[in-house]
Amino acid sequence: LGAGYVVYGRKQHALPPFLCGVALIVFPYLVTGGLMTLLLGAAIAVV
């Protein structure tokens, strides 16, 4: 989903989807546990 946001943000020259896409790609490396991954990922995805 983050890769899709990055591609969309680059093509549309829109900063919010691009930054959220980068965050969605990076945050699973920093967060452990399925529930926290789900909650944080869903929160970033709707930004």
All heavy atoms as atom14 arrays in JSON, in Angstrom:
{
  "sequence": "LGAGYVVYGRKQHALPPFLCGVALIVFPYLVTGGLMTLLLGAAIAVV",
  "atom14_mask": [
    [1, 1, 1, 1, 1, 1, 1, 1, 0, 0, 0, 0, 0, 0],
    [1, 1, 1, 1, 0, 0, 0, 0, 0, 0, 0, 0, 0, 0],
    [1, 1, 1, 1, 1, 0, 0, 0, 0, 0, 0, 0, 0, 0],
    [1, 1, 1, 1, 0, 0, 0, 0, 0, 0, 0, 0, 0, 0],
    [1, 1, 1, 1, 1, 1, 1, 1, 1, 1, 1, 1, 0, 0],
    [1, 1, 1, 1, 1, 1, 1, 0, 0, 0, 0, 0, 0, 0],
    [1, 1, 1, 1, 1, 1, 1, 0, 0, 0, 0, 0, 0, 0],
    [1, 1, 1, 1, 1, 1, 1, 1, 1, 1, 1, 1, 0, 0],
    [1, 1, 1, 1, 0, 0, 0, 0, 0, 0, 0, 0, 0, 0],
    [1, 1, 1, 1, 1, 1, 1, 1, 1, 1, 1, 0, 0, 0],
    [1, 1, 1, 1, 1, 1, 1, 1, 1, 0, 0, 0, 0, 0],
    [1, 1, 1, 1, 1, 1, 1, 1, 1, 0, 0, 0, 0, 0],
    [1, 1, 1, 1, 1, 1, 1, 1, 1, 1, 0, 0, 0, 0],
    [1, 1, 1, 1, 1, 0, 0, 0, 0, 0, 0, 0, 0, 0],
    [1, 1, 1, 1, 1, 1, 1, 1, 0, 0, 0, 0, 0, 0],
    [1, 1, 1, 1, 1, 1, 1, 0, 0, 0, 0, 0, 0, 0],
    [1, 1, 1, 1, 1, 1, 1, 0, 0, 0, 0, 0, 0, 0],
    [1, 1, 1, 1, 1, 1, 1, 1, 1, 1, 1, 0, 0, 0],
    [1, 1, 1, 1, 1, 1, 1, 1, 0, 0, 0, 0, 0, 0],
    [1, 1, 1, 1, 1, 1, 0, 0, 0, 0, 0, 0, 0, 0],
    [1, 1, 1, 1, 0, 0, 0, 0, 0, 0, 0, 0, 0, 0],
    [1, 1, 1, 1, 1, 1, 1, 0, 0, 0, 0, 0, 0, 0],
    [1, 1, 1, 1, 1, 0, 0, 0, 0, 0, 0, 0, 0, 0],
    [1, 1, 1, 1, 1, 1, 1, 1, 0, 0, 0, 0, 0, 0],
    [1, 1, 1, 1, 1, 1, 1, 1, 0, 0, 0, 0, 0, 0],
    [1, 1, 1, 1, 1, 1, 1, 0, 0, 0, 0, 0, 0, 0],
    [1, 1, 1, 1, 1, 1, 1, 1, 1, 1, 1, 0, 0, 0],
    [1, 1, 1, 1, 1, 1, 1, 0, 0, 0, 0, 0, 0, 0],
    [1, 1, 1, 1, 1, 1, 1, 1, 1, 1, 1, 1, 0, 0],
    [1, 1, 1, 1, 1, 1, 1, 1, 0, 0, 0, 0, 0, 0],
    [1, 1, 1, 1, 1, 1, 1, 0, 0, 0, 0, 0, 0, 0],
    [1, 1, 1, 1, 1, 1, 1, 0, 0, 0, 0, 0, 0, 0],
    [1, 1, 1, 1, 0, 0, 0, 0, 0, 0, 0, 0, 0, 0],
    [1, 1, 1, 1, 0, 0, 0, 0, 0, 0, 0, 0, 0, 0],
    [1, 1, 1, 1, 1, 1, 1, 1, 0, 0, 0, 0, 0, 0],
    [1, 1, 1, 1, 1, 1, 1, 1, 0, 0, 0, 0, 0, 0],
    [1, 1, 1, 1, 1, 1, 1, 0, 0, 0, 0, 0, 0, 0],
    [1, 1, 1, 1, 1, 1, 1, 1, 0, 0, 0, 0, 0, 0],
    [1, 1, 1, 1, 1, 1, 1, 1, 0, 0, 0, 0, 0, 0],
    [1, 1, 1, 1, 1, 1, 1, 1, 0, 0, 0, 0, 0, 0],
    [1, 1, 1, 1, 0, 0, 0, 0, 0, 0, 0, 0, 0, 0],
    [1, 1, 1, 1, 1, 0, 0, 0, 0, 0, 0, 0, 0, 0],
    [1, 1, 1, 1, 1, 0, 0, 0, 0, 0, 0, 0, 0, 0],
    [1, 1, 1, 1, 1, 1, 1, 1, 0, 0, 0, 0, 0, 0],
    [1, 1, 1, 1, 1, 0, 0, 0, 0, 0, 0, 0, 0, 0],
    [1, 1, 1, 1, 1, 1, 1, 0, 0, 0, 0, 0, 0, 0],
    [1, 1, 1, 1, 1, 1, 1, 0, 0, 0, 0, 0, 0, 0]
  ],
  "atom14_positions": [
    [[0.83, -1.2, 0.0], [0.0, 0.0, 0.0], [0.87, 1.25, 0.0], [0.59, 2.22, -0.72], [-0.93, 0.0, 1.21], [-1.93, 1.13, 1.32], [-2.92, 1.1, 0.16], [-2.66, 1.05, 2.64], [0.0, 0.0, 0.0], [0.0, 0.0, 0.0], [0.0, 0.0, 0.0], [0.0, 0.0, 0.0], [0.0, 0.0, 0.0], [0.0, 0.0, 0.0]],
    [[1.94, 1.21, 0.77], [2.87, 2.34, 0.8], [3.54, 2.57, -0.54], [3.72, 3.71, -0.97], [0.0, 0.0, 0.0], [0.0, 0.0, 0.0], [0.0, 0.0, 0.0], [0.0, 0.0, 0.0], [0.0, 0.0, 0.0], [0.0, 0.0, 0.0], [0.0, 0.0, 0.0], [0.0, 0.0, 0.0], [0.0, 0.0, 0.0], [0.0, 0.0, 0.0]],
    [[3.9, 1.49, -1.22], [4.51, 1.63, -2.55], [3.52, 2.28, -3.51], [3.89, 3.12, -4.34], [4.95, 0.27, -3.07], [0.0, 0.0, 0.0], [0.0, 0.0, 0.0], [0.0, 0.0, 0.0], [0.0, 0.0, 0.0], [0.0, 0.0, 0.0], [0.0, 0.0, 0.0], [0.0, 0.0, 0.0], [0.0, 0.0, 0.0], [0.0, 0.0, 0.0]],
    [[2.25, 1.92, -3.41], [1.23, 2.54, -4.24], [1.08, 4.02, -3.94], [0.95, 4.84, -4.85], [0.0, 0.0, 0.0], [0.0, 0.0, 0.0], [0.0, 0.0, 0.0], [0.0, 0.0, 0.0], [0.0, 0.0, 0.0], [0.0, 0.0, 0.0], [0.0, 0.0, 0.0], [0.0, 0.0, 0.0], [0.0, 0.0, 0.0], [0.0, 0.0, 0.0]],
    [[1.12, 4.38, -2.66], [1.05, 5.79, -2.28], [2.26, 6.57, -2.8], [2.13, 7.71, -3.22], [0.96, 5.94, -0.76], [-0.43, 5.9, -0.18], [-0.63, 5.6, 1.16], [-1.55, 6.15, -0.95], [-1.88, 5.56, 1.72], [-2.81, 6.12, -0.41], [-2.98, 5.83, 0.93], [-4.23, 5.79, 1.46], [0.0, 0.0, 0.0], [0.0, 0.0, 0.0]],
    [[3.44, 5.97, -2.74], [4.64, 6.64, -3.22], [4.54, 6.9, -4.72], [4.83, 8.01, -5.2], [5.91, 5.83, -2.88], [7.11, 6.34, -3.64], [6.18, 5.87, -1.39], [0.0, 0.0, 0.0], [0.0, 0.0, 0.0], [0.0, 0.0, 0.0], [0.0, 0.0, 0.0], [0.0, 0.0, 0.0], [0.0, 0.0, 0.0], [0.0, 0.0, 0.0]],
    [[4.12, 5.92, -5.47], [3.98, 6.08, -6.92], [2.93, 7.15, -7.23], [3.16, 8.02, -8.08], [3.62, 4.74, -7.59], [3.23, 4.93, -9.04], [4.78, 3.77, -7.47], [0.0, 0.0, 0.0], [0.0, 0.0, 0.0], [0.0, 0.0, 0.0], [0.0, 0.0, 0.0], [0.0, 0.0, 0.0], [0.0, 0.0, 0.0], [0.0, 0.0, 0.0]],
    [[1.81, 7.09, -6.55], [0.75, 8.08, -6.78], [1.23, 9.48, -6.41], [1.0, 10.44, -7.15], [-0.49, 7.72, -5.96], [-1.57, 8.76, -6.03], [-2.4, 8.84, -7.15], [-1.78, 9.66, -4.99], [-3.4, 9.8, -7.23], [-2.77, 10.62, -5.07], [-3.57, 10.69, -6.18], [-4.55, 11.64, -6.26], [0.0, 0.0, 0.0], [0.0, 0.0, 0.0]],
    [[1.91, 9.6, -5.27], [2.39, 10.9, -4.84], [3.41, 11.49, -5.78], [3.43, 12.7, -6.02], [0.0, 0.0, 0.0], [0.0, 0.0, 0.0], [0.0, 0.0, 0.0], [0.0, 0.0, 0.0], [0.0, 0.0, 0.0], [0.0, 0.0, 0.0], [0.0, 0.0, 0.0], [0.0, 0.0, 0.0], [0.0, 0.0, 0.0], [0.0, 0.0, 0.0]],
    [[4.27, 10.65, -6.33], [5.28, 11.15, -7.29], [4.63, 11.58, -8.6], [4.99, 12.62, -9.16], [6.32, 10.08, -7.57], [7.31, 9.93, -6.43], [8.45, 9.07, -6.78], [9.22, 9.72, -7.85], [10.12, 9.11, -8.58], [10.38, 7.84, -8.38], [10.78, 9.74, -9.51], [0.0, 0.0, 0.0], [0.0, 0.0, 0.0], [0.0, 0.0, 0.0]],
    [[3.68, 10.81, -9.09], [3.05, 11.15, -10.37], [2.17, 12.39, -10.26], [2.1, 13.18, -11.2], [2.22, 9.98, -10.88], [3.07, 8.84, -11.41], [2.2, 7.79, -12.06], [3.05, 6.65, -12.52], [3.31, 6.7, -13.94], [0.0, 0.0, 0.0], [0.0, 0.0, 0.0], [0.0, 0.0, 0.0], [0.0, 0.0, 0.0], [0.0, 0.0, 0.0]],
    [[1.5, 12.55, -9.13], [0.61, 13.7, -8.95], [1.3, 14.89, -8.31], [0.67, 15.93, -8.12], [-0.59, 13.29, -8.08], [-1.45, 12.21, -8.68], [-2.12, 12.67, -9.96], [-2.54, 13.81, -10.09], [-2.21, 11.77, -10.91], [0.0, 0.0, 0.0], [0.0, 0.0, 0.0], [0.0, 0.0, 0.0], [0.0, 0.0, 0.0], [0.0, 0.0, 0.0]],
    [[2.56, 14.75, -7.96], [3.32, 15.79, -7.26], [2.59, 16.23, -5.99], [2.46, 17.42, -5.72], [3.58, 17.0, -8.16], [4.35, 16.65, -9.39], [5.7, 16.35, -9.35], [3.98, 16.51, -10.68], [6.11, 16.07, -10.56], [5.09, 16.15, -11.4], [0.0, 0.0, 0.0], [0.0, 0.0, 0.0], [0.0, 0.0, 0.0], [0.0, 0.0, 0.0]],
    [[2.11, 15.22, -5.25], [1.39, 15.46, -4.01], [2.23, 14.94, -2.84], [2.58, 13.76, -2.8], [0.04, 14.76, -4.04], [0.0, 0.0, 0.0], [0.0, 0.0, 0.0], [0.0, 0.0, 0.0], [0.0, 0.0, 0.0], [0.0, 0.0, 0.0], [0.0, 0.0, 0.0], [0.0, 0.0, 0.0], [0.0, 0.0, 0.0], [0.0, 0.0, 0.0]],
    [[2.53, 15.82, -1.92], [3.4, 15.47, -0.81], [2.74, 14.55, 0.23], [3.38, 13.6, 0.69], [3.93, 16.74, -0.14], [5.05, 16.56, 0.87], [6.25, 15.91, 0.22], [5.41, 17.89, 1.48], [0.0, 0.0, 0.0], [0.0, 0.0, 0.0], [0.0, 0.0, 0.0], [0.0, 0.0, 0.0], [0.0, 0.0, 0.0], [0.0, 0.0, 0.0]],
    [[1.47, 14.77, 0.64], [0.9, 13.9, 1.67], [0.88, 12.41, 1.31], [1.31, 11.58, 2.13], [-0.52, 14.45, 1.87], [-0.41, 15.87, 1.45], [0.59, 15.89, 0.34], [0.0, 0.0, 0.0], [0.0, 0.0, 0.0], [0.0, 0.0, 0.0], [0.0, 0.0, 0.0], [0.0, 0.0, 0.0], [0.0, 0.0, 0.0], [0.0, 0.0, 0.0]],
    [[0.42, 12.0, 0.13], [0.46, 10.57, -0.18], [1.88, 10.02, -0.26], [2.13, 8.89, 0.16], [-0.24, 10.45, -1.53], [-0.94, 11.71, -1.75], [-0.28, 12.74, -0.92], [0.0, 0.0, 0.0], [0.0, 0.0, 0.0], [0.0, 0.0, 0.0], [0.0, 0.0, 0.0], [0.0, 0.0, 0.0], [0.0, 0.0, 0.0], [0.0, 0.0, 0.0]],
    [[2.8, 10.84, -0.76], [4.19, 10.39, -0.86], [4.78, 10.13, 0.52], [5.39, 9.09, 0.76], [5.02, 11.44, -1.61], [6.46, 11.04, -1.76], [6.83, 10.13, -2.72], [7.43, 11.57, -0.93], [8.16, 9.75, -2.86], [8.75, 11.2, -1.05], [9.12, 10.29, -2.03], [0.0, 0.0, 0.0], [0.0, 0.0, 0.0], [0.0, 0.0, 0.0]],
    [[4.59, 11.07, 1.44], [5.14, 10.91, 2.79], [4.47, 9.75, 3.53], [5.14, 9.0, 4.25], [4.99, 12.2, 3.58], [5.83, 13.37, 3.1], [5.54, 14.61, 3.94], [7.3, 13.03, 3.13], [0.0, 0.0, 0.0], [0.0, 0.0, 0.0], [0.0, 0.0, 0.0], [0.0, 0.0, 0.0], [0.0, 0.0, 0.0], [0.0, 0.0, 0.0]],
    [[3.17, 9.6, 3.37], [2.48, 8.48, 4.01], [2.94, 7.15, 3.41], [3.03, 6.15, 4.12], [0.97, 8.63, 3.89], [0.35, 9.95, 4.92], [0.0, 0.0, 0.0], [0.0, 0.0, 0.0], [0.0, 0.0, 0.0], [0.0, 0.0, 0.0], [0.0, 0.0, 0.0], [0.0, 0.0, 0.0], [0.0, 0.0, 0.0], [0.0, 0.0, 0.0]],
    [[3.22, 7.15, 2.12], [3.73, 5.93, 1.5], [5.08, 5.54, 2.04], [5.34, 4.37, 2.34], [0.0, 0.0, 0.0], [0.0, 0.0, 0.0], [0.0, 0.0, 0.0], [0.0, 0.0, 0.0], [0.0, 0.0, 0.0], [0.0, 0.0, 0.0], [0.0, 0.0, 0.0], [0.0, 0.0, 0.0], [0.0, 0.0, 0.0], [0.0, 0.0, 0.0]],
    [[5.96, 6.51, 2.22], [7.27, 6.22, 2.81], [7.1, 5.73, 4.25], [7.76, 4.77, 4.66], [8.17, 7.48, 2.75], [9.44, 7.28, 3.56], [8.5, 7.82, 1.31], [0.0, 0.0, 0.0], [0.0, 0.0, 0.0], [0.0, 0.0, 0.0], [0.0, 0.0, 0.0], [0.0, 0.0, 0.0], [0.0, 0.0, 0.0], [0.0, 0.0, 0.0]],
    [[6.21, 6.35, 4.99], [5.96, 5.92, 6.36], [5.41, 4.5, 6.4], [5.79, 3.7, 7.27], [5.0, 6.88, 7.05], [0.0, 0.0, 0.0], [0.0, 0.0, 0.0], [0.0, 0.0, 0.0], [0.0, 0.0, 0.0], [0.0, 0.0, 0.0], [0.0, 0.0, 0.0], [0.0, 0.0, 0.0], [0.0, 0.0, 0.0], [0.0, 0.0, 0.0]],
    [[4.51, 4.15, 5.47], [3.95, 2.8, 5.44], [5.0, 1.76, 5.07], [4.91, 0.61, 5.5], [2.78, 2.73, 4.46], [1.47, 3.32, 4.95], [0.46, 3.42, 3.81], [0.9, 2.5, 6.09], [0.0, 0.0, 0.0], [0.0, 0.0, 0.0], [0.0, 0.0, 0.0], [0.0, 0.0, 0.0], [0.0, 0.0, 0.0], [0.0, 0.0, 0.0]],
    [[5.98, 2.14, 4.3], [7.04, 1.21, 3.94], [8.0, 1.01, 5.1], [8.45, -0.1, 5.36], [7.78, 1.7, 2.68], [6.86, 1.63, 1.47], [9.04, 0.89, 2.43], [7.39, 2.32, 0.24], [0.0, 0.0, 0.0], [0.0, 0.0, 0.0], [0.0, 0.0, 0.0], [0.0, 0.0, 0.0], [0.0, 0.0, 0.0], [0.0, 0.0, 0.0]],
    [[8.29, 2.07, 5.84], [9.32, 2.01, 6.88], [8.8, 1.51, 8.23], [9.5, 0.79, 8.93], [9.96, 3.42, 7.04], [10.87, 3.47, 8.24], [10.7, 3.79, 5.78], [0.0, 0.0, 0.0], [0.0, 0.0, 0.0], [0.0, 0.0, 0.0], [0.0, 0.0, 0.0], [0.0, 0.0, 0.0], [0.0, 0.0, 0.0], [0.0, 0.0, 0.0]],
    [[7.57, 1.86, 8.62], [7.14, 1.59, 9.98], [7.11, 0.12, 10.37], [7.32, -0.18, 11.55], [5.79, 2.28, 10.28], [4.6, 1.41, 10.08], [4.09, 0.65, 11.11], [3.96, 1.37, 8.86], [2.98, -0.14, 10.94], [2.86, 0.59, 8.67], [2.36, -0.18, 9.72], [0.0, 0.0, 0.0], [0.0, 0.0, 0.0], [0.0, 0.0, 0.0]],
    [[6.85, -0.85, 9.47], [6.86, -2.24, 9.93], [8.22, -2.71, 10.46], [8.28, -3.66, 11.24], [6.46, -3.05, 8.69], [5.67, -2.1, 7.88], [6.32, -0.77, 8.1], [0.0, 0.0, 0.0], [0.0, 0.0, 0.0], [0.0, 0.0, 0.0], [0.0, 0.0, 0.0], [0.0, 0.0, 0.0], [0.0, 0.0, 0.0], [0.0, 0.0, 0.0]],
    [[9.28, -2.05, 10.06], [10.6, -2.39, 10.6], [10.75, -1.94, 12.04], [11.58, -2.47, 12.78], [11.71, -1.76, 9.75], [11.81, -2.33, 8.37], [11.38, -1.6, 7.27], [12.33, -3.6, 8.16], [11.46, -2.12, 5.99], [12.41, -4.13, 6.88], [11.98, -3.38, 5.81], [12.06, -3.9, 4.55], [0.0, 0.0, 0.0], [0.0, 0.0, 0.0]],
    [[9.99, -0.96, 12.44], [10.13, -0.36, 13.76], [9.11, -0.86, 14.77], [9.31, -0.69, 15.97], [10.03, 1.17, 13.65], [10.98, 1.82, 12.64], [10.65, 3.3, 12.5], [12.41, 1.62, 13.06], [0.0, 0.0, 0.0], [0.0, 0.0, 0.0], [0.0, 0.0, 0.0], [0.0, 0.0, 0.0], [0.0, 0.0, 0.0], [0.0, 0.0, 0.0]],
    [[8.01, -1.44, 14.31], [6.92, -1.86, 15.18], [6.87, -3.38, 15.23], [6.97, -4.04, 14.2], [5.57, -1.3, 14.66], [4.41, -1.8, 15.49], [5.6, 0.2, 14.64], [0.0, 0.0, 0.0], [0.0, 0.0, 0.0], [0.0, 0.0, 0.0], [0.0, 0.0, 0.0], [0.0, 0.0, 0.0], [0.0, 0.0, 0.0], [0.0, 0.0, 0.0]],
    [[6.72, -3.92, 16.44], [6.56, -5.36, 16.58], [5.14, -5.66, 17.04], [4.53, -4.87, 17.76], [7.56, -5.93, 17.6], [7.36, -5.27, 18.85], [8.98, -5.72, 17.13], [0.0, 0.0, 0.0], [0.0, 0.0, 0.0], [0.0, 0.0, 0.0], [0.0, 0.0, 0.0], [0.0, 0.0, 0.0], [0.0, 0.0, 0.0], [0.0, 0.0, 0.0]],
    [[4.62, -6.78, 16.62], [3.28, -7.19, 17.02], [2.25, -6.89, 15.95], [2.29, -5.83, 15.33], [0.0, 0.0, 0.0], [0.0, 0.0, 0.0], [0.0, 0.0, 0.0], [0.0, 0.0, 0.0], [0.0, 0.0, 0.0], [0.0, 0.0, 0.0], [0.0, 0.0, 0.0], [0.0, 0.0, 0.0], [0.0, 0.0, 0.0], [0.0, 0.0, 0.0]],
    [[1.36, -7.82, 15.77], [0.34, -7.7, 14.73], [-0.66, -6.6, 15.0], [-1.05, -5.87, 14.09], [0.0, 0.0, 0.0], [0.0, 0.0, 0.0], [0.0, 0.0, 0.0], [0.0, 0.0, 0.0], [0.0, 0.0, 0.0], [0.0, 0.0, 0.0], [0.0, 0.0, 0.0], [0.0, 0.0, 0.0], [0.0, 0.0, 0.0], [0.0, 0.0, 0.0]],
    [[-1.09, -6.47, 16.25], [-2.11, -5.47, 16.57], [-1.57, -4.05, 16.39], [-2.25, -3.19, 15.81], [-2.63, -5.66, 17.99], [-3.73, -4.71, 18.43], [-4.95, -4.88, 17.54], [-4.08, -4.93, 19.88], [0.0, 0.0, 0.0], [0.0, 0.0, 0.0], [0.0, 0.0, 0.0], [0.0, 0.0, 0.0], [0.0, 0.0, 0.0], [0.0, 0.0, 0.0]],
    [[-0.37, -3.81, 16.87], [0.22, -2.48, 16.71], [0.48, -2.18, 15.24], [0.3, -1.04, 14.79], [1.51, -2.36, 17.51], [1.29, -2.22, 18.99], [0.22, -0.84, 19.43], [1.21, 0.53, 18.9], [0.0, 0.0, 0.0], [0.0, 0.0, 0.0], [0.0, 0.0, 0.0], [0.0, 0.0, 0.0], [0.0, 0.0, 0.0], [0.0, 0.0, 0.0]],
    [[0.89, -3.18, 14.48], [1.11, -2.99, 13.04], [-0.2, -2.62, 12.35], [-0.24, -1.72, 11.52], [1.7, -4.26, 12.42], [2.92, -4.58, 13.09], [1.98, -4.07, 10.94], [0.0, 0.0, 0.0], [0.0, 0.0, 0.0], [0.0, 0.0, 0.0], [0.0, 0.0, 0.0], [0.0, 0.0, 0.0], [0.0, 0.0, 0.0], [0.0, 0.0, 0.0]],
    [[-1.26, -3.31, 12.71], [-2.57, -3.04, 12.12], [-3.07, -1.64, 12.47], [-3.51, -0.89, 11.59], [-3.58, -4.09, 12.57], [-5.01, -3.91, 12.06], [-5.05, -4.06, 10.56], [-5.92, -4.92, 12.72], [0.0, 0.0, 0.0], [0.0, 0.0, 0.0], [0.0, 0.0, 0.0], [0.0, 0.0, 0.0], [0.0, 0.0, 0.0], [0.0, 0.0, 0.0]],
    [[-2.99, -1.28, 13.74], [-3.51, 0.02, 14.17], [-2.71, 1.18, 13.58], [-3.28, 2.14, 13.06], [-3.51, 0.1, 15.69], [-4.48, -0.84, 16.41], [-4.3, -0.74, 17.91], [-5.91, -0.55, 16.02], [0.0, 0.0, 0.0], [0.0, 0.0, 0.0], [0.0, 0.0, 0.0], [0.0, 0.0, 0.0], [0.0, 0.0, 0.0], [0.0, 0.0, 0.0]],
    [[-1.4, 1.09, 13.66], [-0.57, 2.17, 13.14], [-0.65, 2.26, 11.62], [-0.73, 3.35, 11.05], [0.88, 1.99, 13.59], [1.83, 3.14, 13.32], [1.33, 4.42, 13.98], [3.21, 2.8, 13.82], [0.0, 0.0, 0.0], [0.0, 0.0, 0.0], [0.0, 0.0, 0.0], [0.0, 0.0, 0.0], [0.0, 0.0, 0.0], [0.0, 0.0, 0.0]],
    [[-0.66, 1.12, 10.95], [-0.76, 1.11, 9.49], [-2.09, 1.68, 9.01], [-2.13, 2.45, 8.05], [0.0, 0.0, 0.0], [0.0, 0.0, 0.0], [0.0, 0.0, 0.0], [0.0, 0.0, 0.0], [0.0, 0.0, 0.0], [0.0, 0.0, 0.0], [0.0, 0.0, 0.0], [0.0, 0.0, 0.0], [0.0, 0.0, 0.0], [0.0, 0.0, 0.0]],
    [[-3.16, 1.32, 9.68], [-4.47, 1.86, 9.3], [-4.53, 3.36, 9.54], [-5.09, 4.11, 8.73], [-5.57, 1.15, 10.08], [0.0, 0.0, 0.0], [0.0, 0.0, 0.0], [0.0, 0.0, 0.0], [0.0, 0.0, 0.0], [0.0, 0.0, 0.0], [0.0, 0.0, 0.0], [0.0, 0.0, 0.0], [0.0, 0.0, 0.0], [0.0, 0.0, 0.0]],
    [[-3.93, 3.82, 10.63], [-3.93, 5.26, 10.93], [-3.13, 6.03, 9.87], [-3.57, 7.09, 9.41], [-3.34, 5.5, 12.32], [0.0, 0.0, 0.0], [0.0, 0.0, 0.0], [0.0, 0.0, 0.0], [0.0, 0.0, 0.0], [0.0, 0.0, 0.0], [0.0, 0.0, 0.0], [0.0, 0.0, 0.0], [0.0, 0.0, 0.0], [0.0, 0.0, 0.0]],
    [[-1.99, 5.5, 9.49], [-1.18, 6.19, 8.47], [-1.87, 6.14, 7.11], [-1.82, 7.09, 6.34], [0.23, 5.58, 8.39], [0.98, 5.8, 9.7], [1.01, 6.15, 7.22], [2.3, 5.06, 9.79], [0.0, 0.0, 0.0], [0.0, 0.0, 0.0], [0.0, 0.0, 0.0], [0.0, 0.0, 0.0], [0.0, 0.0, 0.0], [0.0, 0.0, 0.0]],
    [[-2.54, 5.04, 6.82], [-3.16, 4.86, 5.5], [-4.32, 5.83, 5.26], [-4.59, 6.19, 4.12], [-3.65, 3.43, 5.33], [0.0, 0.0, 0.0], [0.0, 0.0, 0.0], [0.0, 0.0, 0.0], [0.0, 0.0, 0.0], [0.0, 0.0, 0.0], [0.0, 0.0, 0.0], [0.0, 0.0, 0.0], [0.0, 0.0, 0.0], [0.0, 0.0, 0.0]],
    [[-5.0, 6.27, 6.31], [-6.14, 7.18, 6.11], [-5.74, 8.65, 6.17], [-6.57, 9.51, 5.89], [-7.27, 6.91, 7.12], [-7.81, 5.51, 6.96], [-6.85, 7.19, 8.53], [0.0, 0.0, 0.0], [0.0, 0.0, 0.0], [0.0, 0.0, 0.0], [0.0, 0.0, 0.0], [0.0, 0.0, 0.0], [0.0, 0.0, 0.0], [0.0, 0.0, 0.0]],
    [[-4.49, 8.95, 6.5], [-4.06, 10.34, 6.6], [-4.23, 11.09, 5.28], [-4.74, 12.22, 5.3], [-2.61, 10.42, 7.12], [-2.02, 11.81, 6.93], [-2.56, 10.03, 8.59], [0.0, 0.0, 0.0], [0.0, 0.0, 0.0], [0.0, 0.0, 0.0], [0.0, 0.0, 0.0], [0.0, 0.0, 0.0], [0.0, 0.0, 0.0], [0.0, 0.0, 0.0]]
  ]
}
